[in-house]
N, C-alpha and C. Protein backbone atom coordinates (compact mmCIF):
# COMPACT_ATOMS: atom_id res chain seq x y z
N MET A 1 87.11 48.37 81.70
CA MET A 1 87.42 48.72 83.08
C MET A 1 88.60 49.69 83.11
N ARG A 2 88.47 50.70 83.91
CA ARG A 2 89.48 51.75 84.01
C ARG A 2 90.68 51.28 84.83
N LYS A 3 91.87 51.69 84.39
CA LYS A 3 93.10 51.32 85.08
C LYS A 3 93.23 52.16 86.37
N VAL A 4 93.50 51.47 87.47
CA VAL A 4 93.72 52.13 88.75
C VAL A 4 95.21 52.06 89.05
N ARG A 5 95.79 53.21 89.29
CA ARG A 5 97.22 53.27 89.61
C ARG A 5 97.39 53.57 91.10
N ALA A 6 98.48 53.05 91.65
CA ALA A 6 98.82 53.35 93.05
C ALA A 6 99.39 54.77 93.10
N LEU A 7 99.20 55.41 94.21
CA LEU A 7 99.68 56.77 94.43
C LEU A 7 100.77 56.73 95.49
N ASP A 8 101.95 57.24 95.15
CA ASP A 8 103.08 57.21 96.07
C ASP A 8 103.10 58.48 96.94
N ALA A 9 103.77 58.37 98.06
CA ALA A 9 103.84 59.48 99.02
C ALA A 9 104.43 60.74 98.41
N ASN A 10 105.43 60.58 97.53
CA ASN A 10 106.10 61.78 97.00
C ASN A 10 105.17 62.66 96.19
N VAL A 11 104.13 62.10 95.58
CA VAL A 11 103.16 62.91 94.83
C VAL A 11 102.41 63.83 95.79
N ILE A 12 101.91 63.27 96.86
CA ILE A 12 101.17 64.07 97.86
C ILE A 12 102.10 65.08 98.52
N LEU A 13 103.30 64.63 98.86
CA LEU A 13 104.26 65.53 99.53
C LEU A 13 104.68 66.68 98.61
N ARG A 14 104.91 66.41 97.32
CA ARG A 14 105.27 67.49 96.38
C ARG A 14 104.14 68.51 96.32
N PHE A 15 102.90 68.01 96.27
CA PHE A 15 101.75 68.91 96.21
C PHE A 15 101.64 69.75 97.49
N LEU A 16 101.75 69.12 98.64
CA LEU A 16 101.56 69.82 99.90
C LEU A 16 102.70 70.78 100.24
N THR A 17 103.91 70.42 99.92
CA THR A 17 105.05 71.25 100.31
C THR A 17 105.44 72.27 99.24
N ASN A 18 105.08 72.00 97.99
CA ASN A 18 105.43 72.87 96.87
C ASN A 18 106.94 73.15 96.83
N ASP A 19 107.73 72.17 97.26
CA ASP A 19 109.17 72.38 97.30
C ASP A 19 109.83 72.24 95.92
N VAL A 20 109.12 71.62 94.99
CA VAL A 20 109.54 71.58 93.59
C VAL A 20 108.33 72.06 92.79
N PRO A 21 108.22 73.37 92.55
CA PRO A 21 106.99 73.94 91.99
C PRO A 21 106.49 73.26 90.70
N GLU A 22 107.37 72.92 89.80
CA GLU A 22 106.93 72.27 88.55
C GLU A 22 106.24 70.94 88.85
N GLN A 23 106.84 70.15 89.75
CA GLN A 23 106.23 68.88 90.13
C GLN A 23 104.94 69.10 90.92
N ALA A 24 104.94 70.10 91.78
CA ALA A 24 103.74 70.41 92.58
C ALA A 24 102.57 70.75 91.66
N ASN A 25 102.82 71.48 90.59
CA ASN A 25 101.76 71.83 89.64
C ASN A 25 101.22 70.58 88.95
N ARG A 26 102.11 69.67 88.56
CA ARG A 26 101.65 68.43 87.92
C ARG A 26 100.86 67.57 88.91
N CYS A 27 101.28 67.57 90.16
CA CYS A 27 100.55 66.82 91.20
C CYS A 27 99.17 67.43 91.41
N ALA A 28 99.09 68.75 91.39
CA ALA A 28 97.80 69.42 91.55
C ALA A 28 96.86 69.04 90.41
N GLU A 29 97.38 68.96 89.19
CA GLU A 29 96.56 68.55 88.04
C GLU A 29 96.06 67.13 88.21
N LEU A 30 96.92 66.24 88.69
CA LEU A 30 96.52 64.86 88.93
C LEU A 30 95.42 64.81 89.98
N LEU A 31 95.57 65.55 91.07
CA LEU A 31 94.56 65.55 92.13
C LEU A 31 93.23 66.10 91.63
N LYS A 32 93.27 67.07 90.71
CA LYS A 32 92.03 67.58 90.12
C LYS A 32 91.34 66.49 89.29
N ARG A 33 92.13 65.70 88.55
CA ARG A 33 91.54 64.61 87.76
C ARG A 33 90.95 63.54 88.69
N ILE A 34 91.61 63.30 89.81
CA ILE A 34 91.10 62.32 90.78
C ILE A 34 89.77 62.81 91.36
N GLU A 35 89.70 64.08 91.70
CA GLU A 35 88.45 64.64 92.23
C GLU A 35 87.35 64.63 91.19
N ALA A 36 87.70 64.92 89.94
CA ALA A 36 86.70 64.95 88.86
C ALA A 36 86.23 63.55 88.48
N GLY A 37 86.99 62.55 88.86
CA GLY A 37 86.61 61.18 88.54
C GLY A 37 87.17 60.69 87.21
N THR A 38 88.01 61.47 86.58
CA THR A 38 88.59 61.04 85.31
C THR A 38 89.83 60.17 85.51
N GLU A 39 90.33 60.12 86.71
CA GLU A 39 91.47 59.27 87.06
C GLU A 39 91.17 58.65 88.42
N GLU A 40 91.43 57.35 88.52
CA GLU A 40 91.20 56.65 89.78
C GLU A 40 92.54 56.14 90.31
N VAL A 41 92.80 56.38 91.60
CA VAL A 41 94.05 55.94 92.21
C VAL A 41 93.77 55.23 93.52
N TRP A 42 94.74 54.45 93.93
CA TRP A 42 94.69 53.73 95.20
C TRP A 42 95.84 54.23 96.06
N LEU A 43 95.54 54.63 97.27
CA LEU A 43 96.54 55.09 98.23
C LEU A 43 96.76 53.98 99.26
N PRO A 44 97.89 53.27 99.17
CA PRO A 44 98.16 52.21 100.15
C PRO A 44 98.27 52.77 101.57
N ASP A 45 97.88 51.98 102.54
CA ASP A 45 97.92 52.40 103.95
C ASP A 45 99.31 52.86 104.37
N LEU A 46 100.34 52.11 103.94
CA LEU A 46 101.70 52.48 104.33
C LEU A 46 102.15 53.78 103.70
N VAL A 47 101.61 54.11 102.55
CA VAL A 47 101.94 55.39 101.91
C VAL A 47 101.39 56.54 102.76
N LEU A 48 100.17 56.38 103.26
CA LEU A 48 99.62 57.41 104.14
C LEU A 48 100.49 57.55 105.39
N ALA A 49 100.93 56.43 105.95
CA ALA A 49 101.82 56.48 107.12
C ALA A 49 103.12 57.20 106.78
N ASP A 50 103.66 56.95 105.60
CA ASP A 50 104.89 57.61 105.15
C ASP A 50 104.69 59.12 105.02
N ILE A 51 103.55 59.52 104.47
CA ILE A 51 103.24 60.95 104.32
C ILE A 51 103.17 61.62 105.69
N ILE A 52 102.46 60.99 106.60
CA ILE A 52 102.30 61.57 107.94
C ILE A 52 103.65 61.65 108.65
N TRP A 53 104.42 60.58 108.59
CA TRP A 53 105.73 60.59 109.24
C TRP A 53 106.61 61.70 108.66
N THR A 54 106.63 61.85 107.34
CA THR A 54 107.47 62.85 106.69
C THR A 54 107.03 64.26 107.06
N LEU A 55 105.72 64.50 107.04
CA LEU A 55 105.23 65.83 107.41
C LEU A 55 105.55 66.16 108.86
N GLU A 56 105.39 65.17 109.74
CA GLU A 56 105.62 65.43 111.17
C GLU A 56 107.11 65.52 111.51
N LYS A 57 107.89 64.56 111.05
CA LYS A 57 109.28 64.48 111.48
C LYS A 57 110.24 65.31 110.63
N PHE A 58 110.05 65.31 109.33
CA PHE A 58 110.98 66.03 108.45
C PHE A 58 110.57 67.49 108.28
N TYR A 59 109.28 67.71 107.98
CA TYR A 59 108.81 69.08 107.75
C TYR A 59 108.33 69.76 109.03
N LYS A 60 108.34 69.05 110.15
CA LYS A 60 108.00 69.61 111.48
C LYS A 60 106.61 70.25 111.53
N GLN A 61 105.66 69.62 110.84
CA GLN A 61 104.29 70.12 110.84
C GLN A 61 103.57 69.62 112.08
N PRO A 62 102.76 70.47 112.71
CA PRO A 62 101.98 70.01 113.87
C PRO A 62 100.90 69.03 113.42
N LYS A 63 100.50 68.17 114.32
CA LYS A 63 99.52 67.13 114.00
C LYS A 63 98.21 67.72 113.46
N LYS A 64 97.77 68.81 114.05
CA LYS A 64 96.51 69.41 113.60
C LYS A 64 96.62 69.87 112.14
N GLN A 65 97.73 70.46 111.79
CA GLN A 65 97.96 70.91 110.41
C GLN A 65 97.99 69.71 109.46
N ILE A 66 98.63 68.63 109.87
CA ILE A 66 98.69 67.43 109.04
C ILE A 66 97.29 66.91 108.77
N ARG A 67 96.47 66.85 109.81
CA ARG A 67 95.09 66.38 109.62
C ARG A 67 94.35 67.28 108.64
N GLU A 68 94.49 68.59 108.80
CA GLU A 68 93.78 69.52 107.93
C GLU A 68 94.27 69.45 106.48
N LEU A 69 95.53 69.09 106.28
CA LEU A 69 96.05 68.92 104.93
C LEU A 69 95.56 67.62 104.29
N LEU A 70 95.43 66.57 105.09
CA LEU A 70 95.15 65.25 104.53
C LEU A 70 93.67 64.91 104.38
N ILE A 71 92.82 65.48 105.20
CA ILE A 71 91.38 65.16 105.09
C ILE A 71 90.85 65.46 103.68
N PRO A 72 91.14 66.63 103.09
CA PRO A 72 90.62 66.87 101.73
C PRO A 72 91.18 65.87 100.71
N ILE A 73 92.40 65.45 100.89
CA ILE A 73 92.98 64.48 99.95
C ILE A 73 92.30 63.13 100.10
N LEU A 74 92.09 62.68 101.35
CA LEU A 74 91.38 61.42 101.57
C LEU A 74 89.96 61.46 101.02
N ASN A 75 89.37 62.64 100.98
CA ASN A 75 87.99 62.78 100.51
C ASN A 75 87.87 62.91 99.00
N LEU A 76 88.98 62.89 98.27
CA LEU A 76 88.90 62.98 96.82
C LEU A 76 88.03 61.84 96.28
N ARG A 77 87.18 62.19 95.35
CA ARG A 77 86.15 61.27 94.87
C ARG A 77 86.69 59.94 94.35
N SER A 78 87.74 59.94 93.58
CA SER A 78 88.24 58.71 92.96
C SER A 78 89.54 58.22 93.60
N LEU A 79 89.75 58.61 94.86
CA LEU A 79 90.89 58.07 95.61
C LEU A 79 90.38 56.89 96.41
N ARG A 80 91.00 55.74 96.20
CA ARG A 80 90.62 54.53 96.92
C ARG A 80 91.61 54.31 98.07
N PHE A 81 91.05 53.89 99.19
CA PHE A 81 91.84 53.64 100.39
C PHE A 81 91.16 52.50 101.12
N SER A 82 91.91 51.75 101.91
CA SER A 82 91.33 50.57 102.57
C SER A 82 90.08 50.94 103.36
N SER A 83 90.11 52.02 104.10
CA SER A 83 88.93 52.50 104.82
C SER A 83 89.11 53.99 105.10
N LYS A 84 88.46 54.81 104.31
CA LYS A 84 88.57 56.25 104.51
C LYS A 84 88.01 56.65 105.88
N LYS A 85 86.94 56.00 106.28
CA LYS A 85 86.32 56.32 107.57
C LYS A 85 87.28 56.03 108.72
N THR A 86 87.96 54.89 108.66
CA THR A 86 88.92 54.53 109.71
C THR A 86 90.11 55.48 109.69
N ALA A 87 90.58 55.85 108.50
CA ALA A 87 91.71 56.78 108.40
C ALA A 87 91.33 58.14 108.98
N GLN A 88 90.11 58.59 108.71
CA GLN A 88 89.68 59.88 109.25
C GLN A 88 89.54 59.83 110.77
N LYS A 89 89.05 58.71 111.29
CA LYS A 89 88.97 58.54 112.75
C LYS A 89 90.38 58.51 113.34
N ALA A 90 91.30 57.84 112.66
CA ALA A 90 92.69 57.79 113.13
C ALA A 90 93.30 59.18 113.14
N LEU A 91 93.03 59.98 112.12
CA LEU A 91 93.54 61.37 112.11
C LEU A 91 92.97 62.17 113.27
N GLN A 92 91.70 61.94 113.58
CA GLN A 92 91.07 62.63 114.71
C GLN A 92 91.76 62.24 116.02
N LEU A 93 91.98 60.94 116.23
CA LEU A 93 92.64 60.47 117.45
C LEU A 93 94.10 60.91 117.51
N TYR A 94 94.75 60.92 116.38
CA TYR A 94 96.14 61.36 116.26
C TYR A 94 96.29 62.78 116.80
N VAL A 95 95.32 63.63 116.49
CA VAL A 95 95.36 65.03 116.94
C VAL A 95 94.80 65.18 118.34
N GLU A 96 93.56 64.73 118.54
CA GLU A 96 92.86 65.01 119.80
C GLU A 96 93.44 64.27 121.01
N LYS A 97 93.96 63.07 120.79
CA LYS A 97 94.52 62.29 121.90
C LYS A 97 96.04 62.28 121.87
N ASN A 98 96.62 63.00 120.93
CA ASN A 98 98.07 63.13 120.78
C ASN A 98 98.77 61.77 120.73
N LEU A 99 98.20 60.87 119.92
CA LEU A 99 98.79 59.55 119.73
C LEU A 99 99.76 59.61 118.56
N ASP A 100 100.71 58.68 118.53
CA ASP A 100 101.49 58.59 117.31
C ASP A 100 100.61 57.91 116.26
N TRP A 101 101.01 57.99 114.99
CA TRP A 101 100.12 57.55 113.91
C TRP A 101 99.77 56.07 114.03
N THR A 102 100.74 55.22 114.33
CA THR A 102 100.47 53.79 114.41
C THR A 102 99.44 53.49 115.50
N ASP A 103 99.59 54.10 116.67
CA ASP A 103 98.63 53.88 117.75
C ASP A 103 97.26 54.43 117.39
N ALA A 104 97.22 55.54 116.68
CA ALA A 104 95.94 56.12 116.26
C ALA A 104 95.22 55.18 115.29
N VAL A 105 95.96 54.56 114.38
CA VAL A 105 95.35 53.62 113.43
C VAL A 105 94.85 52.38 114.17
N ILE A 106 95.66 51.86 115.09
CA ILE A 106 95.23 50.70 115.88
C ILE A 106 93.94 51.02 116.63
N ALA A 107 93.90 52.17 117.28
CA ALA A 107 92.71 52.56 118.05
C ALA A 107 91.50 52.71 117.14
N ALA A 108 91.67 53.35 115.99
CA ALA A 108 90.55 53.54 115.06
C ALA A 108 90.06 52.20 114.52
N GLN A 109 90.98 51.29 114.23
CA GLN A 109 90.57 49.97 113.76
C GLN A 109 89.84 49.19 114.85
N MET A 110 90.33 49.31 116.08
CA MET A 110 89.66 48.63 117.20
C MET A 110 88.25 49.18 117.38
N LEU A 111 88.09 50.50 117.32
CA LEU A 111 86.77 51.09 117.47
C LEU A 111 85.84 50.65 116.34
N ALA A 112 86.36 50.58 115.12
CA ALA A 112 85.55 50.16 113.98
C ALA A 112 85.10 48.70 114.13
N ARG A 113 85.94 47.89 114.75
CA ARG A 113 85.62 46.47 114.93
C ARG A 113 84.88 46.20 116.24
N LYS A 114 84.62 47.28 117.00
CA LYS A 114 83.99 47.17 118.32
C LYS A 114 84.80 46.22 119.22
N GLN A 115 86.10 46.34 119.09
CA GLN A 115 87.04 45.55 119.88
C GLN A 115 87.57 46.45 120.99
N SER A 116 87.54 45.95 122.23
CA SER A 116 87.93 46.83 123.33
C SER A 116 89.12 46.34 124.13
N GLU A 117 89.73 45.24 123.73
CA GLU A 117 90.86 44.73 124.50
C GLU A 117 92.10 44.68 123.63
N ILE A 118 93.23 44.98 124.27
CA ILE A 118 94.50 44.96 123.56
C ILE A 118 95.60 44.60 124.54
N TYR A 119 96.58 43.86 124.07
CA TYR A 119 97.78 43.62 124.84
C TYR A 119 98.74 44.76 124.50
N SER A 120 99.11 45.54 125.49
CA SER A 120 99.94 46.71 125.22
C SER A 120 100.49 47.27 126.52
N TYR A 121 101.52 48.08 126.39
CA TYR A 121 102.05 48.82 127.53
C TYR A 121 101.59 50.27 127.51
N ILE A 122 100.85 50.64 126.50
CA ILE A 122 100.35 52.01 126.39
C ILE A 122 99.08 52.15 127.23
N ASN A 123 98.90 53.30 127.84
CA ASN A 123 97.69 53.54 128.61
C ASN A 123 96.55 53.90 127.66
N TRP A 124 95.80 52.90 127.24
CA TRP A 124 94.71 53.12 126.30
C TRP A 124 93.47 53.71 126.98
N LYS A 125 93.51 53.88 128.29
CA LYS A 125 92.33 54.41 128.98
C LYS A 125 92.02 55.85 128.58
N VAL A 126 92.94 56.50 127.86
CA VAL A 126 92.66 57.86 127.40
C VAL A 126 91.62 57.86 126.29
N LEU A 127 91.29 56.68 125.78
CA LEU A 127 90.33 56.60 124.69
C LEU A 127 89.03 55.99 125.17
N PRO A 128 87.92 56.70 124.98
CA PRO A 128 86.64 56.11 125.37
C PRO A 128 86.35 54.89 124.50
N GLY A 129 85.86 53.85 125.14
CA GLY A 129 85.51 52.64 124.41
C GLY A 129 86.65 51.63 124.32
N LEU A 130 87.85 52.02 124.70
CA LEU A 130 88.97 51.09 124.71
C LEU A 130 89.43 50.92 126.14
N ASN A 131 89.50 49.69 126.57
CA ASN A 131 89.92 49.42 127.94
C ASN A 131 91.10 48.48 127.92
N LEU A 132 92.03 48.72 128.78
CA LEU A 132 93.17 47.82 128.92
C LEU A 132 92.79 46.77 129.94
N GLU A 133 91.85 45.91 129.56
CA GLU A 133 91.34 44.92 130.49
C GLU A 133 92.30 43.76 130.68
N ARG A 134 93.12 43.49 129.68
CA ARG A 134 94.09 42.41 129.77
C ARG A 134 95.46 42.96 129.48
N SER A 135 96.13 43.34 130.52
CA SER A 135 97.48 43.85 130.32
C SER A 135 98.47 42.71 130.54
N VAL A 136 99.60 42.84 129.91
CA VAL A 136 100.65 41.84 130.05
C VAL A 136 101.84 42.53 130.70
N GLU A 137 102.23 42.00 131.84
CA GLU A 137 103.40 42.54 132.51
C GLU A 137 104.63 42.13 131.72
N TYR A 138 105.63 43.01 131.68
CA TYR A 138 106.85 42.74 130.93
C TYR A 138 107.47 41.41 131.35
N GLU A 139 107.46 41.15 132.64
CA GLU A 139 108.07 39.93 133.16
C GLU A 139 107.34 38.68 132.67
N ASP A 140 106.12 38.82 132.18
CA ASP A 140 105.35 37.68 131.68
C ASP A 140 105.54 37.42 130.19
N THR A 141 106.30 38.25 129.51
CA THR A 141 106.48 38.06 128.08
C THR A 141 107.53 36.97 127.82
N GLU A 142 107.39 36.31 126.69
CA GLU A 142 108.34 35.26 126.33
C GLU A 142 109.74 35.83 126.19
N HIS A 143 109.85 37.01 125.61
CA HIS A 143 111.15 37.65 125.43
C HIS A 143 111.86 37.82 126.78
N TYR A 144 111.15 38.31 127.76
CA TYR A 144 111.74 38.51 129.08
C TYR A 144 112.17 37.18 129.69
N ARG A 145 111.27 36.18 129.63
CA ARG A 145 111.58 34.88 130.24
C ARG A 145 112.81 34.23 129.59
N LEU A 146 112.88 34.27 128.26
CA LEU A 146 114.03 33.70 127.57
C LEU A 146 115.33 34.41 127.95
N THR A 147 115.28 35.74 127.96
CA THR A 147 116.47 36.50 128.32
C THR A 147 116.88 36.22 129.76
N ARG A 148 115.93 36.21 130.67
CA ARG A 148 116.21 35.93 132.08
C ARG A 148 116.82 34.54 132.25
N ASP A 149 116.19 33.54 131.60
CA ASP A 149 116.70 32.18 131.72
C ASP A 149 118.10 32.05 131.13
N PHE A 150 118.34 32.71 130.02
CA PHE A 150 119.67 32.68 129.42
C PHE A 150 120.70 33.30 130.35
N LEU A 151 120.39 34.47 130.90
CA LEU A 151 121.35 35.15 131.77
C LEU A 151 121.59 34.37 133.06
N ASN A 152 120.59 33.67 133.54
CA ASN A 152 120.74 32.90 134.77
C ASN A 152 121.44 31.56 134.56
N ASN A 153 121.46 31.04 133.34
CA ASN A 153 122.08 29.73 133.10
C ASN A 153 122.60 29.65 131.66
N ARG A 154 123.63 30.45 131.39
CA ARG A 154 124.20 30.51 130.04
C ARG A 154 124.75 29.16 129.59
N ALA A 155 125.42 28.44 130.48
CA ALA A 155 126.05 27.17 130.11
C ALA A 155 125.01 26.19 129.57
N ARG A 156 123.86 26.10 130.24
CA ARG A 156 122.80 25.20 129.78
C ARG A 156 122.33 25.57 128.38
N PHE A 157 122.17 26.88 128.13
CA PHE A 157 121.72 27.33 126.81
C PHE A 157 122.76 26.98 125.75
N PHE A 158 124.04 27.19 126.05
CA PHE A 158 125.09 26.87 125.08
C PHE A 158 125.15 25.36 124.81
N ARG A 159 125.05 24.55 125.88
CA ARG A 159 125.05 23.10 125.69
C ARG A 159 123.88 22.68 124.81
N HIS A 160 122.73 23.24 125.09
CA HIS A 160 121.52 22.92 124.31
C HIS A 160 121.73 23.33 122.85
N SER A 161 122.28 24.50 122.60
CA SER A 161 122.53 24.98 121.24
C SER A 161 123.50 24.07 120.51
N LEU A 162 124.57 23.63 121.20
CA LEU A 162 125.54 22.75 120.57
C LEU A 162 124.94 21.38 120.27
N LEU A 163 124.08 20.88 121.15
CA LEU A 163 123.42 19.60 120.88
C LEU A 163 122.56 19.69 119.65
N ILE A 164 121.86 20.77 119.50
CA ILE A 164 121.02 20.96 118.32
C ILE A 164 121.90 20.95 117.07
N LEU A 165 123.03 21.65 117.13
CA LEU A 165 123.93 21.69 115.98
C LEU A 165 124.54 20.33 115.69
N GLU A 166 124.92 19.60 116.74
CA GLU A 166 125.54 18.29 116.54
C GLU A 166 124.58 17.30 115.91
N PHE A 167 123.32 17.34 116.25
CA PHE A 167 122.36 16.36 115.76
C PHE A 167 121.60 16.82 114.54
N SER A 168 121.90 18.00 114.05
CA SER A 168 121.25 18.49 112.86
C SER A 168 122.09 18.11 111.65
N PRO A 169 121.59 17.22 110.78
CA PRO A 169 122.41 16.73 109.66
C PRO A 169 122.78 17.81 108.65
N SER A 170 122.01 18.85 108.55
CA SER A 170 122.31 19.88 107.55
C SER A 170 123.13 21.02 108.11
N SER A 171 123.42 21.02 109.40
CA SER A 171 124.13 22.16 109.98
C SER A 171 125.63 21.93 109.98
N THR A 172 126.35 23.01 109.82
CA THR A 172 127.79 22.97 109.97
C THR A 172 128.15 24.05 110.98
N PHE A 173 129.21 23.81 111.72
CA PHE A 173 129.67 24.83 112.65
C PHE A 173 131.17 24.73 112.80
N PHE A 174 131.76 25.78 113.28
CA PHE A 174 133.21 25.84 113.42
C PHE A 174 133.62 25.08 114.67
N HIS A 175 134.48 24.09 114.49
CA HIS A 175 134.97 23.30 115.60
C HIS A 175 136.34 23.87 116.00
N PRO A 176 136.46 24.55 117.16
CA PRO A 176 137.70 25.24 117.50
C PRO A 176 138.89 24.29 117.70
N GLN A 177 138.66 23.07 118.19
CA GLN A 177 139.79 22.15 118.40
C GLN A 177 140.34 21.61 117.07
N LEU A 178 139.45 21.42 116.10
CA LEU A 178 139.90 20.96 114.79
C LEU A 178 140.34 22.10 113.90
N GLY A 179 139.91 23.32 114.25
CA GLY A 179 140.26 24.49 113.46
C GLY A 179 139.60 24.53 112.09
N ARG A 180 138.42 23.93 111.99
CA ARG A 180 137.70 23.91 110.70
C ARG A 180 136.20 23.76 110.94
N PHE A 181 135.47 23.95 109.85
CA PHE A 181 134.02 23.73 109.91
C PHE A 181 133.74 22.25 109.77
N THR A 182 132.80 21.76 110.54
CA THR A 182 132.44 20.35 110.44
C THR A 182 130.99 20.21 110.09
């Protein structure tokens, strides 16, 4: 069985940017071996996200250019990825719907799973096949309720916290009247 190595973002970035020509040439040779099938690599999902973020934010590449640079790499014969089809759909949505990469991946995964509902504050109606049928108002989130309740009754929260500390046998806390940890 042939050894499969992971491919890091810097290899793809060196190749695409040619900012270190000697390394870019070695990366090009590796990509040729991957296409020829003499070398097999795995591109982790987060590495693709890192590449896209770096090209967009650091190198200031437009989304359309990023897609055009990455599609041929994703199509390399011996490059393994969790789902090339989903990644390509995400790149399409990233460009055509002007989504950020994370939202584009979520949308592509939802479409692949034929899932049409999501809890989100983003207007997903821009995407055919995805409906924001179940939206969650900010005031209905647990985070909001906890913060609201804390701000409205801080003393109760502090008393409750101290009771938990007092009755927890493994906890220690600073006792201000004794001037030490108990």
